[in-house]
Amino acid sequence: VQLQASGGGLVQPGESLSLSCAASESIFSLNAVGWHRQAPGKQRELVAIITRGGRPEYADSVKGRFTITRDSNKNTWYLQMNSLKIEDTAVYYCLAERGRQYWGQGTLVTVSS
């Protein structure tokens, strides 16, 4: 499965940004899709994930601010990020799970005043 992430950029605190990840295969064939992030000097961490037919799960640090959605017609999932904070600055990676994990190339989100 090949994943193509897009949508990163530079925003100010409090602003919004949306990321997207397009899969080369039907997302119906995937057990879960989601997003991780890796901030400078930190380990990669789960941001949001949604299983096939399941409810989304979020890291505590982004609950109420980030929303993960998917569009099966486009084989794409999204991460809507609102009320961004400086600590949200990281490289964001999309992932898909089907027996193993597949990763997108990463897209940089910088939140800075």
N, C-alpha and C. Protein backbone atom coordinates (compact mmCIF):
# COMPACT_ATOMS: atom_id res chain seq x y z
N VAL A 1 0.86 -1.18 0.00
CA VAL A 1 0.00 0.00 0.00
C VAL A 1 0.89 1.24 0.00
N GLN A 2 0.66 2.13 -0.93
CA GLN A 2 1.42 3.38 -0.97
C GLN A 2 0.55 4.52 -0.47
N LEU A 3 1.16 5.37 0.35
CA LEU A 3 0.43 6.48 0.95
C LEU A 3 1.08 7.79 0.56
N GLN A 4 0.26 8.77 0.26
CA GLN A 4 0.76 10.10 -0.12
C GLN A 4 0.11 11.14 0.76
N ALA A 5 0.92 11.71 1.64
CA ALA A 5 0.41 12.73 2.56
C ALA A 5 0.64 14.12 1.99
N SER A 6 -0.25 15.03 2.37
CA SER A 6 -0.10 16.42 1.94
C SER A 6 -0.82 17.33 2.92
N GLY A 7 -0.51 18.61 2.83
CA GLY A 7 -1.26 19.61 3.58
C GLY A 7 -0.51 20.31 4.69
N GLY A 8 0.73 19.96 4.94
CA GLY A 8 1.47 20.63 6.00
C GLY A 8 1.77 22.07 5.64
N GLY A 9 2.27 22.80 6.63
CA GLY A 9 2.63 24.18 6.39
C GLY A 9 2.93 24.92 7.67
N LEU A 10 3.03 26.24 7.53
CA LEU A 10 3.33 27.12 8.66
C LEU A 10 2.07 27.89 9.02
N VAL A 11 1.68 27.80 10.28
CA VAL A 11 0.53 28.55 10.76
C VAL A 11 0.86 29.17 12.10
N GLN A 12 0.01 30.10 12.52
CA GLN A 12 0.19 30.73 13.82
C GLN A 12 -0.64 30.00 14.88
N PRO A 13 -0.29 30.14 16.12
CA PRO A 13 -1.09 29.51 17.18
C PRO A 13 -2.55 29.94 17.09
N GLY A 14 -3.43 28.95 17.28
CA GLY A 14 -4.86 29.21 17.22
C GLY A 14 -5.47 28.99 15.84
N GLU A 15 -4.63 28.87 14.84
CA GLU A 15 -5.14 28.68 13.48
C GLU A 15 -5.40 27.19 13.20
N SER A 16 -5.92 26.94 12.01
CA SER A 16 -6.28 25.57 11.62
C SER A 16 -5.50 25.12 10.41
N LEU A 17 -5.42 23.82 10.27
CA LEU A 17 -4.73 23.22 9.13
C LEU A 17 -5.33 21.85 8.91
N SER A 18 -5.39 21.43 7.66
CA SER A 18 -5.92 20.12 7.34
C SER A 18 -4.89 19.31 6.58
N LEU A 19 -4.71 18.09 7.00
CA LEU A 19 -3.81 17.16 6.31
C LEU A 19 -4.65 16.11 5.59
N SER A 20 -4.12 15.59 4.52
CA SER A 20 -4.79 14.50 3.83
C SER A 20 -3.79 13.40 3.49
N CYS A 21 -4.29 12.20 3.37
CA CYS A 21 -3.46 11.05 3.02
C CYS A 21 -4.23 10.20 2.03
N ALA A 22 -3.68 10.04 0.86
CA ALA A 22 -4.31 9.25 -0.18
C ALA A 22 -3.63 7.88 -0.28
N ALA A 23 -4.44 6.84 -0.30
CA ALA A 23 -3.93 5.48 -0.39
C ALA A 23 -4.04 4.96 -1.82
N SER A 24 -3.14 4.05 -2.17
CA SER A 24 -3.14 3.48 -3.51
C SER A 24 -4.16 2.36 -3.66
N GLU A 25 -4.75 1.96 -2.52
CA GLU A 25 -5.75 0.90 -2.55
C GLU A 25 -6.99 1.34 -1.79
N SER A 26 -8.03 0.59 -1.95
CA SER A 26 -9.27 0.91 -1.27
C SER A 26 -9.07 0.89 0.25
N ILE A 27 -9.58 1.93 0.91
CA ILE A 27 -9.44 1.95 2.36
C ILE A 27 -10.30 0.89 3.02
N PHE A 28 -11.23 0.30 2.27
CA PHE A 28 -12.02 -0.80 2.82
C PHE A 28 -11.16 -2.03 3.07
N SER A 29 -10.02 -2.10 2.39
CA SER A 29 -9.11 -3.23 2.57
C SER A 29 -8.17 -3.03 3.75
N LEU A 30 -8.24 -1.88 4.36
CA LEU A 30 -7.33 -1.53 5.45
C LEU A 30 -8.04 -1.70 6.79
N ASN A 31 -7.33 -2.22 7.76
CA ASN A 31 -7.91 -2.44 9.08
C ASN A 31 -8.01 -1.15 9.89
N ALA A 32 -7.09 -0.26 9.63
CA ALA A 32 -7.11 1.02 10.35
C ALA A 32 -6.30 2.04 9.55
N VAL A 33 -6.67 3.30 9.69
CA VAL A 33 -5.90 4.39 9.09
C VAL A 33 -5.76 5.47 10.15
N GLY A 34 -4.70 6.24 10.05
CA GLY A 34 -4.52 7.27 11.08
C GLY A 34 -3.31 8.14 10.82
N TRP A 35 -2.93 8.83 11.91
CA TRP A 35 -1.82 9.77 11.86
C TRP A 35 -0.95 9.63 13.11
N HIS A 36 0.34 9.70 12.89
CA HIS A 36 1.30 9.84 13.97
C HIS A 36 2.04 11.15 13.74
N ARG A 37 2.81 11.56 14.71
CA ARG A 37 3.66 12.73 14.55
C ARG A 37 4.96 12.55 15.32
N GLN A 38 5.96 13.26 14.88
CA GLN A 38 7.24 13.23 15.56
C GLN A 38 7.78 14.65 15.66
N ALA A 39 7.84 15.13 16.89
CA ALA A 39 8.38 16.46 17.14
C ALA A 39 9.89 16.37 17.28
N PRO A 40 10.58 17.48 17.07
CA PRO A 40 12.05 17.47 17.18
C PRO A 40 12.51 16.96 18.54
N GLY A 41 13.38 15.97 18.51
CA GLY A 41 13.93 15.43 19.74
C GLY A 41 13.01 14.52 20.52
N LYS A 42 11.87 14.18 19.93
CA LYS A 42 10.90 13.32 20.62
C LYS A 42 10.60 12.09 19.79
N GLN A 43 10.01 11.12 20.47
CA GLN A 43 9.62 9.90 19.77
C GLN A 43 8.34 10.12 18.98
N ARG A 44 8.16 9.30 17.98
CA ARG A 44 6.93 9.35 17.21
C ARG A 44 5.78 8.92 18.11
N GLU A 45 4.65 9.62 18.00
CA GLU A 45 3.51 9.31 18.83
C GLU A 45 2.23 9.28 17.99
N LEU A 46 1.29 8.49 18.49
CA LEU A 46 -0.01 8.41 17.84
C LEU A 46 -0.77 9.71 18.06
N VAL A 47 -1.37 10.20 16.98
CA VAL A 47 -2.23 11.38 17.07
C VAL A 47 -3.69 10.98 16.99
N ALA A 48 -4.03 10.23 15.97
CA ALA A 48 -5.42 9.82 15.78
C ALA A 48 -5.45 8.57 14.91
N ILE A 49 -6.42 7.73 15.18
CA ILE A 49 -6.57 6.52 14.39
C ILE A 49 -8.04 6.14 14.34
N ILE A 50 -8.42 5.55 13.24
CA ILE A 50 -9.80 5.08 13.10
C ILE A 50 -9.76 3.71 12.45
N THR A 51 -10.43 2.78 13.09
CA THR A 51 -10.45 1.42 12.56
C THR A 51 -11.63 1.24 11.63
N ARG A 52 -11.56 0.23 10.81
CA ARG A 52 -12.65 -0.04 9.88
C ARG A 52 -13.91 -0.34 10.68
N GLY A 53 -14.88 0.49 10.53
CA GLY A 53 -16.12 0.29 11.26
C GLY A 53 -16.09 0.74 12.70
N GLY A 54 -14.95 1.31 13.15
CA GLY A 54 -14.82 1.69 14.54
C GLY A 54 -14.87 3.17 14.78
N ARG A 55 -14.76 3.51 16.04
CA ARG A 55 -14.77 4.90 16.44
C ARG A 55 -13.36 5.45 16.42
N PRO A 56 -13.21 6.73 16.12
CA PRO A 56 -11.88 7.32 16.15
C PRO A 56 -11.30 7.36 17.56
N GLU A 57 -10.01 7.27 17.65
CA GLU A 57 -9.31 7.44 18.92
C GLU A 57 -8.27 8.53 18.75
N TYR A 58 -8.08 9.31 19.81
CA TYR A 58 -7.18 10.44 19.74
C TYR A 58 -6.22 10.44 20.93
N ALA A 59 -5.06 11.01 20.70
CA ALA A 59 -4.16 11.29 21.81
C ALA A 59 -4.83 12.33 22.70
N ASP A 60 -4.59 12.23 23.99
CA ASP A 60 -5.20 13.17 24.93
C ASP A 60 -4.84 14.61 24.58
N SER A 61 -3.65 14.81 24.06
CA SER A 61 -3.18 16.16 23.79
C SER A 61 -3.92 16.85 22.64
N VAL A 62 -4.64 16.07 21.83
CA VAL A 62 -5.33 16.68 20.68
C VAL A 62 -6.85 16.51 20.75
N LYS A 63 -7.35 15.82 21.76
CA LYS A 63 -8.79 15.63 21.88
C LYS A 63 -9.51 16.97 21.93
N GLY A 64 -10.59 17.05 21.15
CA GLY A 64 -11.37 18.28 21.12
C GLY A 64 -10.84 19.30 20.13
N ARG A 65 -9.64 19.09 19.60
CA ARG A 65 -9.06 20.03 18.65
C ARG A 65 -8.86 19.40 17.27
N PHE A 66 -8.51 18.12 17.24
CA PHE A 66 -8.24 17.43 15.98
C PHE A 66 -9.38 16.47 15.68
N THR A 67 -9.65 16.29 14.39
CA THR A 67 -10.68 15.36 13.95
C THR A 67 -10.16 14.55 12.77
N ILE A 68 -10.28 13.25 12.88
CA ILE A 68 -9.90 12.38 11.77
C ILE A 68 -11.16 11.92 11.05
N THR A 69 -11.12 12.01 9.74
CA THR A 69 -12.24 11.55 8.92
C THR A 69 -11.68 10.79 7.72
N ARG A 70 -12.55 10.09 7.04
CA ARG A 70 -12.11 9.36 5.86
C ARG A 70 -13.17 9.45 4.77
N ASP A 71 -12.71 9.36 3.54
CA ASP A 71 -13.57 9.39 2.37
C ASP A 71 -13.26 8.14 1.56
N SER A 72 -14.15 7.17 1.64
CA SER A 72 -13.90 5.90 0.97
C SER A 72 -13.93 6.04 -0.54
N ASN A 73 -14.67 7.01 -1.04
CA ASN A 73 -14.74 7.21 -2.49
C ASN A 73 -13.40 7.68 -3.05
N LYS A 74 -12.65 8.39 -2.22
CA LYS A 74 -11.35 8.91 -2.66
C LYS A 74 -10.18 8.14 -2.08
N ASN A 75 -10.48 7.10 -1.28
CA ASN A 75 -9.42 6.34 -0.61
C ASN A 75 -8.48 7.28 0.15
N THR A 76 -9.06 8.21 0.80
CA THR A 76 -8.30 9.27 1.46
C THR A 76 -8.83 9.50 2.86
N TRP A 77 -7.93 9.81 3.79
CA TRP A 77 -8.35 10.23 5.12
C TRP A 77 -7.68 11.55 5.46
N TYR A 78 -8.29 12.22 6.41
CA TYR A 78 -7.92 13.58 6.69
C TYR A 78 -7.69 13.77 8.19
N LEU A 79 -6.93 14.79 8.49
CA LEU A 79 -6.76 15.22 9.87
C LEU A 79 -7.02 16.72 9.91
N GLN A 80 -8.16 17.09 10.45
CA GLN A 80 -8.48 18.50 10.62
C GLN A 80 -7.94 18.94 11.96
N MET A 81 -7.07 19.92 11.94
CA MET A 81 -6.41 20.38 13.16
C MET A 81 -6.83 21.82 13.43
N ASN A 82 -7.53 22.00 14.52
CA ASN A 82 -7.98 23.32 14.92
C ASN A 82 -7.27 23.76 16.20
N SER A 83 -7.33 25.05 16.45
CA SER A 83 -6.72 25.61 17.66
C SER A 83 -5.30 25.09 17.86
N LEU A 84 -4.53 25.20 16.81
CA LEU A 84 -3.17 24.64 16.85
C LEU A 84 -2.32 25.36 17.88
N LYS A 85 -1.45 24.57 18.50
CA LYS A 85 -0.55 25.08 19.52
C LYS A 85 0.90 24.90 19.05
N ILE A 86 1.79 25.66 19.65
CA ILE A 86 3.20 25.56 19.27
C ILE A 86 3.69 24.13 19.45
N GLU A 87 3.19 23.47 20.48
CA GLU A 87 3.62 22.10 20.74
C GLU A 87 3.08 21.08 19.75
N ASP A 88 2.22 21.51 18.83
CA ASP A 88 1.77 20.62 17.76
C ASP A 88 2.77 20.57 16.61
N THR A 89 3.79 21.40 16.68
CA THR A 89 4.81 21.39 15.64
C THR A 89 5.48 20.03 15.58
N ALA A 90 5.47 19.45 14.38
CA ALA A 90 6.02 18.11 14.21
C ALA A 90 5.93 17.72 12.74
N VAL A 91 6.60 16.64 12.42
CA VAL A 91 6.36 16.00 11.13
C VAL A 91 5.23 15.00 11.34
N TYR A 92 4.22 15.11 10.54
CA TYR A 92 3.05 14.25 10.65
C TYR A 92 3.12 13.16 9.59
N TYR A 93 2.90 11.93 10.04
CA TYR A 93 2.96 10.78 9.16
C TYR A 93 1.60 10.09 9.14
N CYS A 94 1.12 9.82 7.96
CA CYS A 94 -0.08 9.01 7.91
C CYS A 94 0.31 7.54 7.87
N LEU A 95 -0.59 6.73 8.37
CA LEU A 95 -0.32 5.30 8.38
C LEU A 95 -1.57 4.51 8.07
N ALA A 96 -1.34 3.31 7.59
CA ALA A 96 -2.42 2.37 7.34
C ALA A 96 -1.98 1.01 7.88
N GLU A 97 -2.93 0.25 8.34
CA GLU A 97 -2.63 -1.06 8.91
C GLU A 97 -3.41 -2.14 8.19
N ARG A 98 -2.68 -3.16 7.78
CA ARG A 98 -3.28 -4.36 7.21
C ARG A 98 -2.24 -5.45 7.34
N GLY A 99 -2.23 -6.08 8.48
CA GLY A 99 -1.22 -7.09 8.75
C GLY A 99 0.11 -6.49 9.16
N ARG A 100 0.40 -5.34 8.66
CA ARG A 100 1.60 -4.58 9.01
C ARG A 100 1.24 -3.11 8.85
N GLN A 101 2.17 -2.26 9.23
CA GLN A 101 1.94 -0.83 9.09
C GLN A 101 2.59 -0.30 7.81
N TYR A 102 1.86 0.58 7.15
CA TYR A 102 2.36 1.27 5.98
C TYR A 102 2.39 2.76 6.32
N TRP A 103 3.45 3.44 5.89
CA TRP A 103 3.65 4.84 6.27
C TRP A 103 3.74 5.74 5.04
N GLY A 104 3.19 6.93 5.21
CA GLY A 104 3.38 7.97 4.22
C GLY A 104 4.72 8.65 4.46
N GLN A 105 5.05 9.61 3.62
CA GLN A 105 6.37 10.22 3.64
C GLN A 105 6.54 11.29 4.70
N GLY A 106 5.48 11.71 5.34
CA GLY A 106 5.61 12.75 6.35
C GLY A 106 5.40 14.13 5.77
N THR A 107 4.71 14.97 6.53
CA THR A 107 4.51 16.35 6.11
C THR A 107 4.70 17.23 7.34
N LEU A 108 5.44 18.32 7.16
CA LEU A 108 5.83 19.16 8.28
C LEU A 108 4.73 20.17 8.61
N VAL A 109 4.38 20.21 9.88
CA VAL A 109 3.46 21.21 10.40
C VAL A 109 4.24 22.05 11.40
N THR A 110 4.29 23.35 11.14
CA THR A 110 5.00 24.28 12.02
C THR A 110 4.01 25.30 12.55
N VAL A 111 3.92 25.36 13.87
CA VAL A 111 3.04 26.33 14.51
C VAL A 111 3.94 27.32 15.24
N SER A 112 3.91 28.55 14.77
CA SER A 112 4.82 29.55 15.30
C SER A 112 4.23 30.93 15.15
N SER A 113 4.52 31.76 16.14
CA SER A 113 4.06 33.14 16.06
C SER A 113 5.14 34.03 15.46
